[in-house]
Protein backbone atom coordinates (compact mmCIF):
# COMPACT_ATOMS: atom_id res chain seq x y z
CA MET A 1 0.25 0.00 -0.35
CA ASN A 2 1.25 3.28 -0.86
CA LYS A 3 1.72 5.76 1.92
CA GLN A 4 1.67 9.94 1.19
CA LEU A 5 2.08 12.45 3.91
CA ILE A 6 0.25 15.76 3.32
CA PHE A 7 -0.06 19.12 5.01
CA VAL A 8 -3.95 20.28 4.12
CA SER A 9 -4.25 24.06 3.29
CA LEU A 10 -7.88 24.66 3.58
CA ALA A 11 -10.52 27.71 3.34
CA LEU A 12 -13.28 28.70 4.49
CA SER A 13 -16.39 30.63 2.24
CA VAL A 14 -19.90 31.77 2.57
CA SER A 15 -22.09 31.95 -0.56
CA THR A 16 -25.36 34.74 -1.29
CA ALA A 17 -28.70 33.15 -0.28
CA PHE A 18 -29.14 36.18 1.95
CA TRP A 19 -27.49 39.34 0.43
CA ALA A 20 -29.58 39.15 -2.33
CA CYS A 21 -32.64 40.08 -0.39
CA SER A 22 -30.80 42.17 2.56
CA GLY A 23 -29.56 44.68 0.18
CA GLY A 24 -26.84 47.12 0.68
CA PRO A 25 -25.09 49.81 -0.37
CA ASP A 26 -24.23 49.25 -4.23
CA LEU A 27 -20.38 49.61 -4.37
CA LEU A 28 -20.85 46.25 -2.21
CA PHE A 29 -21.46 44.35 -5.40
CA THR A 30 -20.53 43.47 -8.85
CA PRO A 31 -23.12 43.79 -11.31
CA ASP A 32 -23.32 39.72 -11.13
CA GLY A 33 -22.61 39.28 -7.29
CA SER A 34 -18.93 37.86 -8.38
CA CYS A 35 -16.77 37.47 -5.83
CA ASN A 36 -12.81 38.52 -5.37
CA ASP A 37 -13.98 42.13 -5.39
CA LEU A 38 -13.73 43.59 -1.78
CA LEU A 39 -14.55 46.95 0.66
CA GLU A 40 -11.98 48.70 1.90
CA ILE A 41 -12.38 48.99 5.38
CA ASP A 42 -11.05 51.55 7.96
CA PRO A 43 -8.83 48.88 10.10
CA GLY A 44 -9.99 50.41 13.24
CA GLY A 45 -13.07 48.05 12.82
CA VAL A 46 -16.30 49.09 14.64
CA PRO A 47 -15.93 50.15 18.59
CA ARG A 48 -17.17 48.40 21.15
CA LEU A 49 -17.43 44.80 19.54
CA GLU A 50 -15.73 42.01 19.72
CA VAL A 51 -15.85 39.49 16.69
CA SER A 52 -14.46 35.57 17.21
CA ARG A 53 -12.29 35.96 14.16
CA SER A 54 -11.46 38.28 11.61
CA ARG A 55 -11.27 35.75 9.10
CA ILE A 56 -12.97 32.34 7.87
CA ASP A 57 -10.77 30.05 5.71
CA PHE A 58 -12.96 27.24 4.05
CA GLN A 59 -9.48 25.85 2.62
CA TYR A 60 -10.62 23.43 -0.05
CA GLN A 61 -14.10 22.29 -0.88
CA PHE A 62 -15.42 20.18 -4.16
CA VAL A 63 -16.67 21.87 -6.64
CA ALA A 64 -20.52 22.80 -6.44
CA THR A 65 -20.91 21.08 -2.87
CA THR A 66 -21.57 23.03 0.29
CA SER A 67 -19.09 22.95 3.18
CA PHE A 68 -19.52 22.16 7.15
CA PRO A 69 -20.74 26.29 7.64
CA ARG A 70 -18.66 27.88 9.68
CA ALA A 71 -19.45 29.81 12.63
CA VAL A 72 -18.64 33.81 13.90
CA THR A 73 -19.95 35.13 17.44
CA VAL A 74 -19.87 39.01 18.01
CA THR A 75 -20.02 40.04 21.47
CA ASN A 76 -21.47 43.79 22.64
CA THR A 77 -18.38 44.96 24.72
CA GLY A 78 -19.68 48.46 25.31
CA ALA A 79 -22.10 49.69 28.31
CA ASN A 80 -24.79 50.69 25.83
CA THR A 81 -27.23 48.30 23.40
CA MET A 82 -26.70 47.92 20.01
CA THR A 83 -28.75 47.32 17.34
CA ILE A 84 -27.94 44.80 14.15
CA GLU A 85 -29.65 46.19 10.77
CA ARG A 86 -28.11 43.97 8.24
CA VAL A 87 -25.81 41.12 7.94
CA LEU A 88 -24.51 39.86 4.21
CA THR A 89 -21.84 38.72 2.43
CA ASN A 90 -20.54 40.23 -0.74
CA CYS A 91 -19.54 37.12 -2.50
CA GLU A 92 -22.48 34.49 -3.84
CA GLN A 93 -20.40 31.56 -2.89
CA PHE A 94 -20.61 32.54 0.26
CA ILE A 95 -23.78 31.31 2.53
CA LEU A 96 -25.40 33.23 5.78
CA ILE A 97 -27.34 29.84 6.82
CA ASP A 98 -30.67 30.37 8.48
CA PRO A 99 -30.17 34.30 9.12
CA ALA A 100 -32.22 35.77 12.27
CA PRO A 101 -34.91 38.31 11.86
CA LEU A 102 -33.34 41.64 11.96
CA PRO A 103 -32.89 44.50 13.63
CA ALA A 104 -31.86 42.89 16.35
CA ILE A 105 -31.07 44.33 19.75
CA LEU A 106 -27.44 43.29 21.07
CA GLN A 107 -27.59 44.16 24.75
CA PRO A 108 -24.22 44.95 26.66
CA ALA A 109 -22.12 41.70 27.71
CA ALA A 110 -24.54 39.39 24.79
CA GLU A 111 -23.49 37.87 21.83
CA THR A 112 -24.59 36.36 18.74
CA SER A 113 -23.12 34.39 16.34
CA PHE A 114 -23.72 34.24 12.09
CA SER A 115 -23.14 30.77 10.33
CA ILE A 116 -21.59 30.17 7.29
CA SER A 117 -20.75 27.71 4.11
CA PHE A 118 -19.04 27.91 1.29
CA GLU A 119 -20.12 26.46 -2.18
CA PRO A 120 -17.55 26.99 -4.86
CA GLN A 121 -18.46 27.10 -8.65
CA GLU A 122 -15.14 26.64 -9.95
CA ALA A 123 -12.75 24.29 -9.35
CA VAL A 124 -9.01 24.83 -9.86
CA GLU A 125 -5.52 22.91 -9.45
CA ALA A 126 -5.64 21.86 -5.62
CA ASP A 127 -1.69 23.88 -4.72
CA PRO A 128 -1.30 24.72 -1.17
CA GLU A 129 1.22 27.06 -2.01
CA ALA A 130 -1.44 29.68 -3.86
CA PRO A 131 -3.62 31.73 -2.76
CA PRO A 132 -7.40 30.59 -2.20
CA SER A 133 -9.35 30.99 -5.55
CA VAL A 134 -12.20 32.80 -4.18
CA THR A 135 -12.14 35.46 -1.10
CA GLY A 136 -15.31 37.90 0.12
CA GLN A 137 -16.22 39.25 3.09
CA LEU A 138 -19.02 39.02 6.01
CA LEU A 139 -20.44 42.39 6.82
CA VAL A 140 -22.12 43.53 9.82
CA TYR A 141 -24.14 46.82 9.58
CA PHE A 142 -25.07 48.47 12.77
CA GLU A 143 -27.16 51.15 13.41
CA GLY A 144 -25.46 55.15 13.72
CA ILE A 145 -22.32 53.11 12.52
CA ALA A 146 -21.16 54.07 9.14
CA GLU A 147 -18.58 51.33 8.60
CA PRO A 148 -19.88 47.50 9.10
CA LEU A 149 -17.82 45.19 10.99
CA VAL A 150 -16.12 42.56 8.68
CA VAL A 151 -14.76 38.88 8.30
CA MET A 152 -12.93 38.08 5.55
CA LEU A 153 -13.88 35.00 3.62
CA THR A 154 -11.47 32.53 1.72
CA GLY A 155 -11.88 29.15 -0.13
CA THR A 156 -11.05 27.30 -2.66
CA GLY A 157 -12.94 24.84 -4.83
CA VAL A 158 -11.12 21.95 -6.27
CA ALA A 159 -12.41 18.57 -8.29
CA GLU A 160 -10.95 16.32 -5.77
CA GLU A 161 -12.65 13.53 -4.14
CA HIS A 162 -11.02 13.45 -0.96
CA ILE A 163 -10.35 16.33 1.31
CA VAL A 164 -10.03 16.55 4.79
CA ASN A 165 -9.11 20.54 6.27
CA GLN A 166 -8.26 21.18 9.35
CA ASP A 167 -8.40 24.57 11.04
CA PRO A 168 -6.09 25.67 12.87
CA LEU A 169 -2.85 24.15 10.94
CA ALA A 170 -0.64 25.08 13.01
CA VAL A 171 -0.66 25.47 17.06
CA ASP A 172 2.12 27.94 19.00
CA PHE A 173 2.03 27.43 22.62
CA GLY A 174 4.81 29.95 23.41
CA THR A 175 6.57 29.32 26.62
CA VAL A 176 5.44 26.90 29.50
CA GLN A 177 6.93 26.16 32.85
CA VAL A 178 8.70 22.84 33.21
CA GLY A 179 6.36 20.79 35.10
CA GLU A 180 2.94 22.96 34.45
CA THR A 181 0.17 22.17 31.54
CA SER A 182 -0.56 24.59 28.56
CA PRO A 183 -4.73 25.37 28.12
CA ARG A 184 -5.72 22.64 25.69
CA VAL A 185 -6.12 23.87 22.12
CA ALA A 186 -9.29 23.12 20.01
CA ILE A 187 -8.92 21.47 15.99
CA LEU A 188 -11.93 21.18 14.02
CA ILE A 189 -11.23 18.98 11.09
CA TRP A 190 -13.97 18.59 8.56
CA ASN A 191 -15.09 16.79 5.28
CA GLY A 192 -14.49 19.01 2.05
CA GLY A 193 -15.38 16.11 -0.67
CA THR A 194 -18.08 14.19 -2.01
CA GLY A 195 -17.26 10.83 0.11
CA THR A 196 -16.59 9.49 3.20
CA GLU A 197 -13.82 9.61 4.68
CA THR A 198 -12.34 7.02 7.70
CA ILE A 199 -9.86 8.30 9.92
CA SER A 200 -8.35 5.40 11.75
CA SER A 201 -5.80 7.26 14.51
CA VAL A 202 -4.78 10.75 15.69
CA SER A 203 -1.42 10.60 17.59
CA THR A 204 1.56 12.86 18.41
CA VAL A 205 4.39 12.55 21.07
CA PRO A 206 5.27 14.12 24.25
CA PRO A 207 5.68 16.49 25.74
CA PHE A 208 2.66 17.12 23.48
CA ARG A 209 -0.90 15.20 24.03
CA VAL A 210 -4.24 14.64 22.06
CA PHE A 211 -7.53 14.93 23.58
CA GLY A 212 -11.21 13.79 21.68
CA PHE A 213 -10.16 10.90 19.20
CA SER A 214 -11.34 7.25 21.04
CA GLY A 215 -11.22 5.16 18.10
CA GLU A 216 -11.70 4.90 14.41
CA THR A 217 -14.34 7.73 13.09
CA GLU A 218 -16.47 8.34 9.85
CA LEU A 219 -16.66 11.53 8.53
CA GLN A 220 -19.32 11.87 5.86
CA PRO A 221 -19.59 14.95 3.99
CA ALA A 222 -19.90 18.52 5.04
CA THR A 223 -19.62 17.33 8.89
CA ALA A 224 -16.34 17.78 11.15
CA PHE A 225 -15.06 16.49 14.21
CA GLU A 226 -13.10 18.06 16.92
CA ILE A 227 -9.56 17.47 18.69
CA GLU A 228 -7.86 18.84 21.45
CA VAL A 229 -3.86 19.24 21.58
CA GLN A 230 -2.10 20.06 25.12
CA PHE A 231 1.78 21.12 26.01
CA ALA A 232 3.08 19.44 28.87
CA PRO A 233 7.02 19.62 29.24
CA ASP A 234 9.43 18.23 31.60
CA THR A 235 12.28 19.05 30.21
CA VAL A 236 13.39 22.36 29.22
CA GLY A 237 13.90 23.31 25.39
CA ASP A 238 12.83 24.07 21.91
CA PHE A 239 10.03 21.66 20.86
CA GLN A 240 8.65 21.33 17.31
CA GLN A 241 6.27 17.89 16.76
CA VAL A 242 3.29 17.52 14.58
CA VAL A 243 -0.48 15.48 14.92
CA ILE A 244 -0.60 12.98 12.36
CA ILE A 245 -4.28 12.16 11.28
CA GLU A 246 -4.04 8.81 9.51
CA LEU A 247 -6.77 8.15 6.85
CA ASN A 248 -8.31 4.92 5.14
CA VAL A 249 -8.21 6.16 1.53
CA PRO A 250 -8.77 3.53 -0.77
CA GLY A 251 -4.89 3.05 -2.30
CA PHE A 252 -3.43 4.80 -0.06
CA GLN A 253 -2.67 5.98 3.95
CA VAL A 254 -2.93 9.50 3.66
CA PHE A 255 -1.65 11.60 6.49
CA VAL A 256 -2.49 15.13 7.49
CA GLY A 257 0.15 16.44 9.76
CA LEU A 258 -0.51 19.16 12.45
CA GLN A 259 2.36 21.07 13.37
CA LEU A 260 2.93 22.13 16.96
CA ARG A 261 5.34 24.09 18.47
CA GLY A 262 6.14 25.22 22.32
CA ILE A 263 9.23 26.50 24.28
CA ALA A 264 9.78 25.23 27.82
CA ASN A 265 12.04 26.36 30.73
């Protein structure tokens, strides 16, 4: 049996089912709703708001299929109530999933989430060194604030049948004292292809640890599962390792590598 070691670069995208009916400034869209035309926004962002991530990378997705949805959480960190007036994307290949009725009130310390999927319309050759083939933005408009809260959306459509993505692609635990343990970091693994993938093993070596995998797991298209990794050094040093995620693919043993680093002193 052949063996292949791959490091998969992934991207997360959203499609347009919602923006078409929600309107928005004309400058947000090209006439045909095409992608890769980005709105230039003040990098200062929206005051009194915190977003869980500034970018969603859907990585690779089989063309004309819908990806596993990814979520973005927005928190009101100020002392005043804020009103969400509109939520939309500026690319028809990024889809807002089951948006809540608007306008919506966001009380102080309250949060709300938006789920997005990626549905690529064209396939390109999978190349980890190439930039994502599709880019767009999630735009959240608030009452009384001219510029929206923006989350960058990226993804790549491909024609490969077997696609397994992971987010993040690497974890740097920073510096941890010998004899102590770092907080656990969650790793999302999802199927961007068209067939069921079987994950047969997930492993790493000390001083890193993996949690959340109890045995052979089937991953249907557009579904995901989560593992956690941790750094637990018992000697001083600069450590670099990988988490090996082994997939059973007919004719191959495919490995997805998650890069880990930690410094112990």
